[in-house]
Each structure stands twice: as C-alpha cells, then as structure tokens.
Amino acid sequence: MANVRDFQYIAEIARYSSITKAAEALYLSQPTLTKFLQRVEQEVGTPLFHRAGKRFIPTPAGEIYVEKAKSILHLNTQLDQELDDLVSMRRGSVRVGTTAGRAGYLVSSILPRFARLYPGVRVLLSMGHTELLLKMIFNNELDIVLSSCDEEQPTLCHEYIGEEELVLAVPQNSPLLAGAQRQEGFRFPVIRPEQWRDEPVVLPSAGSRSYHLAQAYFQAAGVQPRVVAEIAGVQFVIAAVRAGMGVAVFISVPLAPDDGVAFLSLGRADLPRQQVAAITRRGFYRNEAQQAFLQLLRESYR
C-alpha cells in the first residue's frame, strides 16, 4: 500500500521529468528511485511514465496518479500544520516569496515586526520573478507570495493588498521635495516635469516593465531625460538614487521610513498603476503566524 513518501517520489519525478534530478532533490541514489518506480508501476499494473530518452513524461494513468498524489501531499501538509497549531502556536516557519524590488522592504520593515510577534517562527524568504514564484506556490514550496499578478489563476487565491504607481524617486534631502505640492487624488506630493527634467536620471534595465512605462511617460510628457545609468533590479536603482546619482522613474515599491529615498507623483491621473496581491493556494490552511504575516502586509500597504 502506498504511503505519503511514495506519493512524494512520484510527484517529484513528474515535476522534474527526470529520474536523475528527482533523485537529487530527494537525496536518493538514481538506482534506488528507479527501483521504487518499477515497484510502484508493477503494483499499479500499468506504466506511470513514458520514457522519451532521459525524460519521464506521465502516461494517462500517471497524470491521474500525480494529480491525486499532489492532493494527498497537500492534505498531509495541511494536517501537519493544523496539528502543529494545536500543540503550539509559536513554532514552525512561514515560507514567503516576493520579487527582488519588494524583498528589501520586507526585510527592513515586515520581518522585524513579525519576529517580535513570533520569535519562535522562522521566515523563509525566497526571491524571484512572478512566474517562478507562482510555480513554487503551486508546487507547495511557498505559503505566501507578494507580487503583482494581472491574471488570476483558479487554483490560487489573490487577496488585494495595495496599489503601486509610476513615480519619481529622489533622495530625501533633494531640493525638489520643496517644490512638490499635495494634490487630491495623488498618493504622493506632485511634481511637474519642468521641475526635474534637467536632473540626471537612473532607469531600471531596458527589459523591465518599469523601463517601458517610463519611456511611454517621457514621450507623453515631452521629456527627454539625461539618463546616466540603467540598472537591473529596483533595489539597486533605489540605492543609486540614495547615493545621489540622480532621480529615477519606476513603478513604486514600499519603502522603509529611513530608506533615504522619497517618492513623488508625476501629476497624471492616467499613469499606469499595478495592483499587488498576497497570493496563497486556494483552500490553503492559514495558521496563526501566517495570518499575522498577511495582516502585517495589509497594514504596510495602507
């Protein structure tokens, strides 16, 4: 009779499409995992995988087996979490994933507050692009993902956390701040293009969404910026602004109060905005610590 470990082994073979890679992930030898698969297929009475060279592709029977295996593994994880909560609400871990630009804010503002609330709970923070993070949460490698996501997926739950907009980032001691004015309908003080058009500009790298949105804004506003650097990674763009290299235009991310950088609105109501969500698996059991982490995220974006 199959046990939880058997389901995990089959799910890993399907995940990697490879006996070798699955064995490495499971800390098994390749012959051991091969013999295990042969035994399971013999017990089931039909092959679970087609062998295409070194690739292992699920057969129709294998697809059913893998789907049910993932469900059983999810239920087993949920059972462990609920029992752990009954034993102690102050132990365990919270697995969080986010993009690199938001990670700095989590580390400086959210994680210290969470650690004070739950000193016995570890936060395991992963960084990556949204597509990778969604794959990780789907494979039960993450509990919570903080990311923008334009298209909701039926297997995942998206909880709206806040909104990010195209902004001008300046050092906190910049004289530009004195000329910015509060206006209704804008989150940050508003600055006009003529007030900063002669400033050196740092941009995110050309492949980023922020870069293309900034270029569209420059064209619409009639601005020809003096670009001094293009830098991959919003956190490094912010570091360049903090160091006094210039101002920057990009989609805002939450900043710690002492980050040395301030945001200004660009004064156009039609500028693009992106919604940020806390993404979890649908039907995901949230223990006390995970709920507290989500609440800290909600409060931070307000």
C-alpha atoms as a PDB file:
ATOM      1  CA  MET A   1       0.000   0.000   0.000  1.00  0.00           C
ATOM      2  CA  ALA A   2       1.303   3.438  -0.957  1.00  0.00           C
ATOM      3  CA  ASN A   3       2.346   5.865   1.758  1.00  0.00           C
ATOM      4  CA  VAL A   4       2.937   9.623   1.706  1.00  0.00           C
ATOM      5  CA  ARG A   5       6.578   9.144   0.795  1.00  0.00           C
ATOM      6  CA  ASP A   6       5.578   7.142  -2.305  1.00  0.00           C
ATOM      7  CA  PHE A   7       3.308   9.955  -3.484  1.00  0.00           C
ATOM      8  CA  GLN A   8       6.091  12.483  -2.921  1.00  0.00           C
ATOM      9  CA  TYR A   9       8.537  10.443  -5.005  1.00  0.00           C
ATOM     10  CA  ILE A  10       6.133  10.125  -7.937  1.00  0.00           C
ATOM     11  CA  ALA A  11       5.260  13.847  -7.767  1.00  0.00           C
ATOM     12  CA  GLU A  12       8.954  14.770  -7.857  1.00  0.00           C
ATOM     13  CA  ILE A  13       9.619  12.567 -10.898  1.00  0.00           C
ATOM     14  CA  ALA A  14       6.740  14.312 -12.685  1.00  0.00           C
ATOM     15  CA  ARG A  15       7.951  17.724 -11.563  1.00  0.00           C
ATOM     16  CA  TYR A  16      11.484  17.278 -12.924  1.00  0.00           C
ATOM     17  CA  SER A  17      10.618  14.901 -15.812  1.00  0.00           C
ATOM     18  CA  SER A  18      13.823  13.165 -14.805  1.00  0.00           C
ATOM     19  CA  ILE A  19      14.804  10.325 -12.512  1.00  0.00           C
ATOM     20  CA  THR A  20      18.268  11.847 -12.007  1.00  0.00           C
ATOM     21  CA  LYS A  21      17.049  15.317 -10.989  1.00  0.00           C
ATOM     22  CA  ALA A  22      14.243  13.925  -8.849  1.00  0.00           C
ATOM     23  CA  ALA A  23      16.698  11.630  -7.050  1.00  0.00           C
ATOM     24  CA  GLU A  24      18.987  14.601  -6.353  1.00  0.00           C
ATOM     25  CA  ALA A  25      16.078  16.623  -4.961  1.00  0.00           C
ATOM     26  CA  LEU A  26      15.013  13.706  -2.764  1.00  0.00           C
ATOM     27  CA  TYR A  27      18.589  12.892  -1.661  1.00  0.00           C
ATOM     28  CA  LEU A  28      18.309   9.392  -3.105  1.00  0.00           C
ATOM     29  CA  SER A  29      20.509   7.467  -5.488  1.00  0.00           C
ATOM     30  CA  GLN A  30      19.240   7.121  -9.043  1.00  0.00           C
ATOM     31  CA  PRO A  31      19.107   3.284  -8.863  1.00  0.00           C
ATOM     32  CA  THR A  32      17.060   3.483  -5.646  1.00  0.00           C
ATOM     33  CA  LEU A  33      14.471   5.793  -7.227  1.00  0.00           C
ATOM     34  CA  THR A  34      14.400   3.707 -10.419  1.00  0.00           C
ATOM     35  CA  LYS A  35      13.675   0.524  -8.444  1.00  0.00           C
ATOM     36  CA  PHE A  36      11.000   2.375  -6.486  1.00  0.00           C
ATOM     37  CA  LEU A  37       9.238   3.485  -9.694  1.00  0.00           C
ATOM     38  CA  GLN A  38       9.418  -0.023 -11.128  1.00  0.00           C
ATOM     39  CA  ARG A  39       7.825  -1.401  -7.959  1.00  0.00           C
ATOM     40  CA  VAL A  40       5.009   1.155  -7.963  1.00  0.00           C
ATOM     41  CA  GLU A  41       4.267   0.592 -11.656  1.00  0.00           C
ATOM     42  CA  GLN A  42       4.169  -3.152 -11.012  1.00  0.00           C
ATOM     43  CA  GLU A  43       1.735  -2.633  -8.117  1.00  0.00           C
ATOM     44  CA  VAL A  44      -0.461  -0.305 -10.163  1.00  0.00           C
ATOM     45  CA  GLY A  45      -0.366  -2.664 -13.132  1.00  0.00           C
ATOM     46  CA  THR A  46       0.443  -0.045 -15.776  1.00  0.00           C
ATOM     47  CA  PRO A  47       3.309   2.336 -16.603  1.00  0.00           C
ATOM     48  CA  LEU A  48       3.045   5.766 -14.991  1.00  0.00           C
ATOM     49  CA  PHE A  49       5.639   7.403 -17.257  1.00  0.00           C
ATOM     50  CA  HIS A  50       6.652   7.269 -20.901  1.00  0.00           C
ATOM     51  CA  ARG A  51      10.429   7.112 -21.321  1.00  0.00           C
ATOM     52  CA  ALA A  52      11.475   9.634 -24.008  1.00  0.00           C
ATOM     53  CA  GLY A  53      15.267   9.487 -23.911  1.00  0.00           C
ATOM     54  CA  LYS A  54      16.128  10.716 -20.428  1.00  0.00           C
ATOM     55  CA  ARG A  55      12.755  12.419 -19.982  1.00  0.00           C
ATOM     56  CA  PHE A  56       9.919  10.865 -17.999  1.00  0.00           C
ATOM     57  CA  ILE A  57       6.502  12.009 -19.250  1.00  0.00           C
ATOM     58  CA  PRO A  58       3.352  10.921 -17.361  1.00  0.00           C
ATOM     59  CA  THR A  59       1.071   8.463 -19.127  1.00  0.00           C
ATOM     60  CA  PRO A  60      -2.709   8.968 -18.795  1.00  0.00           C
ATOM     61  CA  ALA A  61      -2.551   6.732 -15.715  1.00  0.00           C
ATOM     62  CA  GLY A  62       0.447   8.691 -14.500  1.00  0.00           C
ATOM     63  CA  GLU A  63      -1.389  12.004 -14.862  1.00  0.00           C
ATOM     64  CA  ILE A  64      -4.199  10.707 -12.634  1.00  0.00           C
ATOM     65  CA  TYR A  65      -1.685   9.316 -10.127  1.00  0.00           C
ATOM     66  CA  VAL A  66       0.305  12.578  -9.999  1.00  0.00           C
ATOM     67  CA  GLU A  67      -2.818  14.708  -9.611  1.00  0.00           C
ATOM     68  CA  LYS A  68      -4.059  12.588  -6.710  1.00  0.00           C
ATOM     69  CA  ALA A  69      -0.560  12.439  -5.212  1.00  0.00           C
ATOM     70  CA  LYS A  70      -0.391  16.249  -5.090  1.00  0.00           C
ATOM     71  CA  SER A  71      -3.811  16.391  -3.433  1.00  0.00           C
ATOM     72  CA  ILE A  72      -2.738  13.838  -0.816  1.00  0.00           C
ATOM     73  CA  LEU A  73       0.523  15.692  -0.155  1.00  0.00           C
ATOM     74  CA  HIS A  74      -1.399  18.944   0.253  1.00  0.00           C
ATOM     75  CA  LEU A  75      -3.818  17.325   2.697  1.00  0.00           C
ATOM     76  CA  ASN A  76      -0.913  15.807   4.613  1.00  0.00           C
ATOM     77  CA  THR A  77       0.788  19.208   4.871  1.00  0.00           C
ATOM     78  CA  GLN A  78      -2.480  20.770   5.995  1.00  0.00           C
ATOM     79  CA  LEU A  79      -2.928  18.069   8.645  1.00  0.00           C
ATOM     80  CA  ASP A  80       0.598  18.624   9.943  1.00  0.00           C
ATOM     81  CA  GLN A  81       0.016  22.386  10.105  1.00  0.00           C
ATOM     82  CA  GLU A  82      -3.265  22.088  11.986  1.00  0.00           C
ATOM     83  CA  LEU A  83      -1.861  19.560  14.464  1.00  0.00           C
ATOM     84  CA  ASP A  84       1.216  21.722  14.969  1.00  0.00           C
ATOM     85  CA  ASP A  85      -1.042  24.676  15.728  1.00  0.00           C
ATOM     86  CA  LEU A  86      -2.856  22.634  18.363  1.00  0.00           C
ATOM     87  CA  VAL A  87       0.425  21.656  20.003  1.00  0.00           C
ATOM     88  CA  SER A  88       1.985  25.106  19.831  1.00  0.00           C
ATOM     89  CA  MET A  89       1.003  28.304  18.028  1.00  0.00           C
ATOM     90  CA  ARG A  90       4.538  29.648  18.331  1.00  0.00           C
ATOM     91  CA  ARG A  91       6.688  27.242  16.332  1.00  0.00           C
ATOM     92  CA  GLY A  92       7.324  26.408  12.706  1.00  0.00           C
ATOM     93  CA  SER A  93       8.025  28.556   9.674  1.00  0.00           C
ATOM     94  CA  VAL A  94       6.348  30.849   7.162  1.00  0.00           C
ATOM     95  CA  ARG A  95       7.584  30.447   3.571  1.00  0.00           C
ATOM     96  CA  VAL A  96       7.291  33.761   1.743  1.00  0.00           C
ATOM     97  CA  GLY A  97       8.172  34.637  -1.838  1.00  0.00           C
ATOM     98  CA  THR A  98       8.407  38.058  -3.472  1.00  0.00           C
ATOM     99  CA  THR A  99      10.202  39.951  -6.209  1.00  0.00           C
ATOM    100  CA  ALA A 100      13.631  41.432  -5.542  1.00  0.00           C
ATOM    101  CA  GLY A 101      12.327  45.011  -5.505  1.00  0.00           C
ATOM    102  CA  ARG A 102       9.881  44.288  -2.673  1.00  0.00           C
ATOM    103  CA  ALA A 103      12.233  41.995  -0.729  1.00  0.00           C
ATOM    104  CA  GLY A 104      14.224  44.873   0.749  1.00  0.00           C
ATOM    105  CA  TYR A 105      11.080  46.352   2.243  1.00  0.00           C
ATOM    106  CA  LEU A 106      10.028  43.015   3.748  1.00  0.00           C
ATOM    107  CA  VAL A 107      13.453  42.552   5.308  1.00  0.00           C
ATOM    108  CA  SER A 108      13.651  46.078   6.753  1.00  0.00           C
ATOM    109  CA  SER A 109      10.039  46.625   7.831  1.00  0.00           C
ATOM    110  CA  ILE A 110       7.903  43.465   7.958  1.00  0.00           C
ATOM    111  CA  LEU A 111      10.314  40.794   9.188  1.00  0.00           C
ATOM    112  CA  PRO A 112      11.466  42.665  12.330  1.00  0.00           C
ATOM    113  CA  ARG A 113       7.851  43.305  13.381  1.00  0.00           C
ATOM    114  CA  PHE A 114       6.920  39.689  12.709  1.00  0.00           C
ATOM    115  CA  ALA A 115       9.942  38.428  14.673  1.00  0.00           C
ATOM    116  CA  ARG A 116       8.819  40.429  17.704  1.00  0.00           C
ATOM    117  CA  LEU A 117       5.347  38.857  17.498  1.00  0.00           C
ATOM    118  CA  TYR A 118       6.553  35.293  16.804  1.00  0.00           C
ATOM    119  CA  PRO A 119      10.162  34.890  17.962  1.00  0.00           C
ATOM    120  CA  GLY A 120       9.972  31.110  17.548  1.00  0.00           C
ATOM    121  CA  VAL A 121       8.743  31.146  13.934  1.00  0.00           C
ATOM    122  CA  ARG A 122      11.243  31.309  11.097  1.00  0.00           C
ATOM    123  CA  VAL A 123      10.528  33.277   7.922  1.00  0.00           C
ATOM    124  CA  LEU A 124      11.964  31.552   4.858  1.00  0.00           C
ATOM    125  CA  LEU A 125      12.161  34.317   2.225  1.00  0.00           C
ATOM    126  CA  SER A 126      12.602  33.480  -1.459  1.00  0.00           C
ATOM    127  CA  MET A 127      13.070  35.969  -4.295  1.00  0.00           C
ATOM    128  CA  GLY A 128      12.332  35.587  -7.980  1.00  0.00           C
ATOM    129  CA  HIS A 129      10.178  36.752 -10.864  1.00  0.00           C
ATOM    130  CA  THR A 130       6.422  36.336 -10.597  1.00  0.00           C
ATOM    131  CA  GLU A 131       6.204  33.316 -12.920  1.00  0.00           C
ATOM    132  CA  LEU A 132       8.736  31.390 -10.818  1.00  0.00           C
ATOM    133  CA  LEU A 133       7.030  32.353  -7.545  1.00  0.00           C
ATOM    134  CA  LEU A 134       3.628  31.200  -8.800  1.00  0.00           C
ATOM    135  CA  LYS A 135       5.147  27.874  -9.839  1.00  0.00           C
ATOM    136  CA  MET A 136       6.717  27.492  -6.392  1.00  0.00           C
ATOM    137  CA  ILE A 137       3.459  28.170  -4.556  1.00  0.00           C
ATOM    138  CA  PHE A 138       1.614  25.783  -6.872  1.00  0.00           C
ATOM    139  CA  ASN A 139       4.195  23.095  -6.007  1.00  0.00           C
ATOM    140  CA  ASN A 140       3.684  23.763  -2.262  1.00  0.00           C
ATOM    141  CA  GLU A 141       7.169  25.280  -1.874  1.00  0.00           C
ATOM    142  CA  LEU A 142       5.800  28.622  -0.631  1.00  0.00           C
ATOM    143  CA  ASP A 143       2.935  29.618   1.667  1.00  0.00           C
ATOM    144  CA  ILE A 144       2.529  33.272   0.632  1.00  0.00           C
ATOM    145  CA  VAL A 145       3.624  35.230  -2.438  1.00  0.00           C
ATOM    146  CA  LEU A 146       3.599  39.044  -2.521  1.00  0.00           C
ATOM    147  CA  SER A 147       3.511  40.087  -6.150  1.00  0.00           C
ATOM    148  CA  SER A 148       1.628  41.886  -8.850  1.00  0.00           C
ATOM    149  CA  CYS A 149      -0.366  39.470 -10.972  1.00  0.00           C
ATOM    150  CA  ASP A 150      -2.525  40.599 -13.884  1.00  0.00           C
ATOM    151  CA  GLU A 151      -4.324  37.297 -14.368  1.00  0.00           C
ATOM    152  CA  GLU A 152      -5.823  35.292 -11.529  1.00  0.00           C
ATOM    153  CA  GLN A 153      -5.463  31.512 -11.626  1.00  0.00           C
ATOM    154  CA  PRO A 154      -8.270  29.202 -10.484  1.00  0.00           C
ATOM    155  CA  THR A 155      -6.030  27.160  -8.184  1.00  0.00           C
ATOM    156  CA  LEU A 156      -4.714  30.246  -6.366  1.00  0.00           C
ATOM    157  CA  CYS A 157      -6.327  32.835  -4.112  1.00  0.00           C
ATOM    158  CA  HIS A 158      -5.449  36.506  -4.746  1.00  0.00           C
ATOM    159  CA  GLU A 159      -6.058  38.921  -1.876  1.00  0.00           C
ATOM    160  CA  TYR A 160      -5.701  42.578  -2.857  1.00  0.00           C
ATOM    161  CA  ILE A 161      -3.064  44.239  -0.657  1.00  0.00           C
ATOM    162  CA  GLY A 162      -2.394  47.615  -2.244  1.00  0.00           C
ATOM    163  CA  GLU A 163      -1.514  49.578  -5.339  1.00  0.00           C
ATOM    164  CA  GLU A 164       1.770  50.720  -6.857  1.00  0.00           C
ATOM    165  CA  GLU A 165       2.173  53.556  -9.370  1.00  0.00           C
ATOM    166  CA  LEU A 166       4.766  55.102 -11.668  1.00  0.00           C
ATOM    167  CA  VAL A 167       6.699  57.622  -9.546  1.00  0.00           C
ATOM    168  CA  LEU A 168       9.736  59.880  -9.464  1.00  0.00           C
ATOM    169  CA  ALA A 169      12.207  58.744  -6.792  1.00  0.00           C
ATOM    170  CA  VAL A 170      14.523  61.394  -5.292  1.00  0.00           C
ATOM    171  CA  PRO A 171      16.963  61.489  -2.362  1.00  0.00           C
ATOM    172  CA  GLN A 172      15.268  62.504   0.894  1.00  0.00           C
ATOM    173  CA  ASN A 173      17.433  65.623   1.043  1.00  0.00           C
ATOM    174  CA  SER A 174      16.636  66.685  -2.547  1.00  0.00           C
ATOM    175  CA  PRO A 175      15.599  70.350  -3.066  1.00  0.00           C
ATOM    176  CA  LEU A 176      12.956  69.011  -5.461  1.00  0.00           C
ATOM    177  CA  LEU A 177      10.860  67.997  -2.450  1.00  0.00           C
ATOM    178  CA  ALA A 178      10.307  71.653  -1.522  1.00  0.00           C
ATOM    179  CA  GLY A 179       8.688  72.336  -4.878  1.00  0.00           C
ATOM    180  CA  ALA A 180       6.299  69.366  -4.805  1.00  0.00           C
ATOM    181  CA  GLN A 181       2.687  70.005  -3.787  1.00  0.00           C
ATOM    182  CA  ARG A 182      -0.001  67.828  -2.275  1.00  0.00           C
ATOM    183  CA  GLN A 183      -2.958  67.359  -4.629  1.00  0.00           C
ATOM    184  CA  GLU A 184      -6.178  65.463  -4.173  1.00  0.00           C
ATOM    185  CA  GLY A 185      -6.218  62.127  -5.970  1.00  0.00           C
ATOM    186  CA  PHE A 186      -2.455  61.569  -5.749  1.00  0.00           C
ATOM    187  CA  ARG A 187      -0.762  59.401  -3.145  1.00  0.00           C
ATOM    188  CA  PHE A 188       2.494  61.389  -3.068  1.00  0.00           C
ATOM    189  CA  PRO A 189       3.294  65.114  -3.459  1.00  0.00           C
ATOM    190  CA  VAL A 190       3.067  66.098  -7.133  1.00  0.00           C
ATOM    191  CA  ILE A 191       5.995  67.414  -9.154  1.00  0.00           C
ATOM    192  CA  ARG A 192       5.789  68.877 -12.672  1.00  0.00           C
ATOM    193  CA  PRO A 193       8.093  67.685 -15.484  1.00  0.00           C
ATOM    194  CA  GLU A 194       9.736  71.103 -15.896  1.00  0.00           C
ATOM    195  CA  GLN A 195      10.857  70.978 -12.260  1.00  0.00           C
ATOM    196  CA  TRP A 196      13.073  67.920 -12.737  1.00  0.00           C
ATOM    197  CA  ARG A 197      13.668  67.496 -16.490  1.00  0.00           C
ATOM    198  CA  ASP A 198      17.310  68.688 -16.199  1.00  0.00           C
ATOM    199  CA  GLU A 199      18.173  66.210 -13.426  1.00  0.00           C
ATOM    200  CA  PRO A 200      20.335  63.145 -14.196  1.00  0.00           C
ATOM    201  CA  VAL A 201      18.061  60.100 -14.439  1.00  0.00           C
ATOM    202  CA  VAL A 202      18.633  56.486 -13.409  1.00  0.00           C
ATOM    203  CA  LEU A 203      16.362  53.916 -15.043  1.00  0.00           C
ATOM    204  CA  PRO A 204      15.628  50.220 -14.469  1.00  0.00           C
ATOM    205  CA  SER A 205      17.072  47.931 -17.123  1.00  0.00           C
ATOM    206  CA  ALA A 206      15.574  48.010 -20.614  1.00  0.00           C
ATOM    207  CA  GLY A 207      13.873  44.638 -20.246  1.00  0.00           C
ATOM    208  CA  SER A 208      11.789  45.676 -17.247  1.00  0.00           C
ATOM    209  CA  ARG A 209       8.152  46.771 -17.201  1.00  0.00           C
ATOM    210  CA  SER A 210       9.099  49.946 -15.335  1.00  0.00           C
ATOM    211  CA  TYR A 211      11.507  50.910 -18.118  1.00  0.00           C
ATOM    212  CA  HIS A 212       8.860  50.667 -20.840  1.00  0.00           C
ATOM    213  CA  LEU A 213       6.289  52.539 -18.746  1.00  0.00           C
ATOM    214  CA  ALA A 214       8.836  55.271 -18.027  1.00  0.00           C
ATOM    215  CA  GLN A 215       9.621  55.631 -21.734  1.00  0.00           C
ATOM    216  CA  ALA A 216       5.905  55.969 -22.511  1.00  0.00           C
ATOM    217  CA  TYR A 217       5.601  58.652 -19.844  1.00  0.00           C
ATOM    218  CA  PHE A 218       8.623  60.584 -21.166  1.00  0.00           C
ATOM    219  CA  GLN A 219       7.103  60.624 -24.640  1.00  0.00           C
ATOM    220  CA  ALA A 220       3.662  61.723 -23.414  1.00  0.00           C
ATOM    221  CA  ALA A 221       5.136  64.451 -21.168  1.00  0.00           C
ATOM    222  CA  GLY A 222       7.602  65.690 -23.788  1.00  0.00           C
ATOM    223  CA  VAL A 223      10.594  64.890 -21.579  1.00  0.00           C
ATOM    224  CA  GLN A 224      13.989  63.895 -22.992  1.00  0.00           C
ATOM    225  CA  PRO A 225      15.770  62.629 -19.865  1.00  0.00           C
ATOM    226  CA  ARG A 226      19.522  62.723 -19.371  1.00  0.00           C
ATOM    227  CA  VAL A 227      19.942  59.063 -18.493  1.00  0.00           C
ATOM    228  CA  VAL A 228      23.164  58.367 -16.603  1.00  0.00           C
ATOM    229  CA  ALA A 229      22.587  54.672 -15.813  1.00  0.00           C
ATOM    230  CA  GLU A 230      20.290  51.714 -16.485  1.00  0.00           C
ATOM    231  CA  ILE A 231      20.396  49.233 -13.614  1.00  0.00           C
ATOM    232  CA  ALA A 232      18.814  45.792 -13.290  1.00  0.00           C
ATOM    233  CA  GLY A 233      16.832  45.445 -10.067  1.00  0.00           C
ATOM    234  CA  VAL A 234      14.688  48.127  -8.444  1.00  0.00           C
ATOM    235  CA  GLN A 235      16.572  47.780  -5.162  1.00  0.00           C
ATOM    236  CA  PHE A 236      19.784  48.816  -6.935  1.00  0.00           C
ATOM    237  CA  VAL A 237      18.039  51.713  -8.708  1.00  0.00           C
ATOM    238  CA  ILE A 238      16.912  52.912  -5.266  1.00  0.00           C
ATOM    239  CA  ALA A 239      20.478  52.524  -3.984  1.00  0.00           C
ATOM    240  CA  ALA A 240      21.734  54.703  -6.860  1.00  0.00           C
ATOM    241  CA  VAL A 241      19.178  57.417  -6.012  1.00  0.00           C
ATOM    242  CA  ARG A 242      20.115  57.212  -2.333  1.00  0.00           C
ATOM    243  CA  ALA A 243      23.782  57.648  -3.297  1.00  0.00           C
ATOM    244  CA  GLY A 244      22.965  60.841  -5.206  1.00  0.00           C
ATOM    245  CA  MET A 245      23.435  59.618  -8.783  1.00  0.00           C
ATOM    246  CA  GLY A 246      20.175  61.228  -9.848  1.00  0.00           C
ATOM    247  CA  VAL A 247      16.432  60.778  -9.818  1.00  0.00           C
ATOM    248  CA  ALA A 248      14.614  57.690 -11.097  1.00  0.00           C
ATOM    249  CA  VAL A 249      11.266  56.803 -12.680  1.00  0.00           C
ATOM    250  CA  PHE A 250       9.812  53.364 -11.983  1.00  0.00           C
ATOM    251  CA  ILE A 251       6.836  51.541 -10.502  1.00  0.00           C
ATOM    252  CA  SER A 252       6.892  52.273  -6.769  1.00  0.00           C
ATOM    253  CA  VAL A 253       7.625  49.643  -4.147  1.00  0.00           C
ATOM    254  CA  PRO A 254       7.117  50.090  -0.376  1.00  0.00           C
ATOM    255  CA  LEU A 255       9.996  51.900   1.296  1.00  0.00           C
ATOM    256  CA  ALA A 256      11.162  51.797   4.891  1.00  0.00           C
ATOM    257  CA  PRO A 257      10.896  55.230   6.574  1.00  0.00           C
ATOM    258  CA  ASP A 258      14.686  55.543   6.820  1.00  0.00           C
ATOM    259  CA  ASP A 259      15.458  54.342   3.301  1.00  0.00           C
ATOM    260  CA  GLY A 260      16.945  57.687   2.225  1.00  0.00           C
ATOM    261  CA  VAL A 261      14.622  57.946  -0.790  1.00  0.00           C
ATOM    262  CA  ALA A 262      11.276  59.715  -1.245  1.00  0.00           C
ATOM    263  CA  PHE A 263       8.603  59.231  -3.909  1.00  0.00           C
ATOM    264  CA  LEU A 264       6.858  61.999  -5.845  1.00  0.00           C
ATOM    265  CA  SER A 265       3.778  61.629  -8.039  1.00  0.00           C
ATOM    266  CA  LEU A 266       4.169  62.648 -11.658  1.00  0.00           C
ATOM    267  CA  GLY A 267       0.866  64.539 -11.774  1.00  0.00           C
ATOM    268  CA  ARG A 268      -1.003  62.491 -14.366  1.00  0.00           C
ATOM    269  CA  ALA A 269      -4.150  60.620 -13.378  1.00  0.00           C
ATOM    270  CA  ASP A 270      -3.837  58.361 -16.435  1.00  0.00           C
ATOM    271  CA  LEU A 271      -0.458  56.919 -15.443  1.00  0.00           C
ATOM    272  CA  PRO A 272      -0.410  53.118 -15.129  1.00  0.00           C
ATOM    273  CA  ARG A 273      -0.871  51.502 -11.748  1.00  0.00           C
ATOM    274  CA  GLN A 274      -0.485  47.890 -10.724  1.00  0.00           C
ATOM    275  CA  GLN A 275      -2.319  46.009  -8.031  1.00  0.00           C
ATOM    276  CA  VAL A 276      -0.326  43.980  -5.545  1.00  0.00           C
ATOM    277  CA  ALA A 277      -1.761  40.802  -4.073  1.00  0.00           C
ATOM    278  CA  ALA A 278      -0.953  38.301  -1.372  1.00  0.00           C
ATOM    279  CA  ILE A 279      -1.258  35.011  -3.228  1.00  0.00           C
ATOM    280  CA  THR A 280      -1.936  31.700  -1.494  1.00  0.00           C
ATOM    281  CA  ARG A 281      -3.145  28.295  -2.636  1.00  0.00           C
ATOM    282  CA  ARG A 282      -6.927  28.066  -2.802  1.00  0.00           C
ATOM    283  CA  GLY A 283      -8.207  26.181   0.235  1.00  0.00           C
ATOM    284  CA  PHE A 284      -4.860  26.807   1.957  1.00  0.00           C
ATOM    285  CA  TYR A 285      -4.999  26.428   5.749  1.00  0.00           C
ATOM    286  CA  ARG A 286      -3.581  29.576   7.376  1.00  0.00           C
ATOM    287  CA  ASN A 287      -2.151  29.073  10.825  1.00  0.00           C
ATOM    288  CA  GLU A 288      -1.912  31.922  13.310  1.00  0.00           C
ATOM    289  CA  ALA A 289       1.574  33.003  12.253  1.00  0.00           C
ATOM    290  CA  GLN A 290       0.699  33.034   8.545  1.00  0.00           C
ATOM    291  CA  GLN A 291      -2.430  35.082   9.217  1.00  0.00           C
ATOM    292  CA  ALA A 292      -0.361  37.543  11.241  1.00  0.00           C
ATOM    293  CA  PHE A 293       2.152  37.895   8.397  1.00  0.00           C
ATOM    294  CA  LEU A 294      -0.680  38.642   5.963  1.00  0.00           C
ATOM    295  CA  GLN A 295      -2.072  41.245   8.335  1.00  0.00           C
ATOM    296  CA  LEU A 296       1.307  42.980   8.518  1.00  0.00           C
ATOM    297  CA  LEU A 297       1.352  43.137   4.716  1.00  0.00           C
ATOM    298  CA  ARG A 298      -2.131  44.675   4.629  1.00  0.00           C
ATOM    299  CA  GLU A 299      -1.165  47.301   7.196  1.00  0.00           C
ATOM    300  CA  SER A 300       2.083  48.170   5.436  1.00  0.00           C
ATOM    301  CA  TYR A 301       0.398  48.988   2.130  1.00  0.00           C
ATOM    302  CA  ARG A 302      -2.238  51.135   3.832  1.00  0.00           C
END
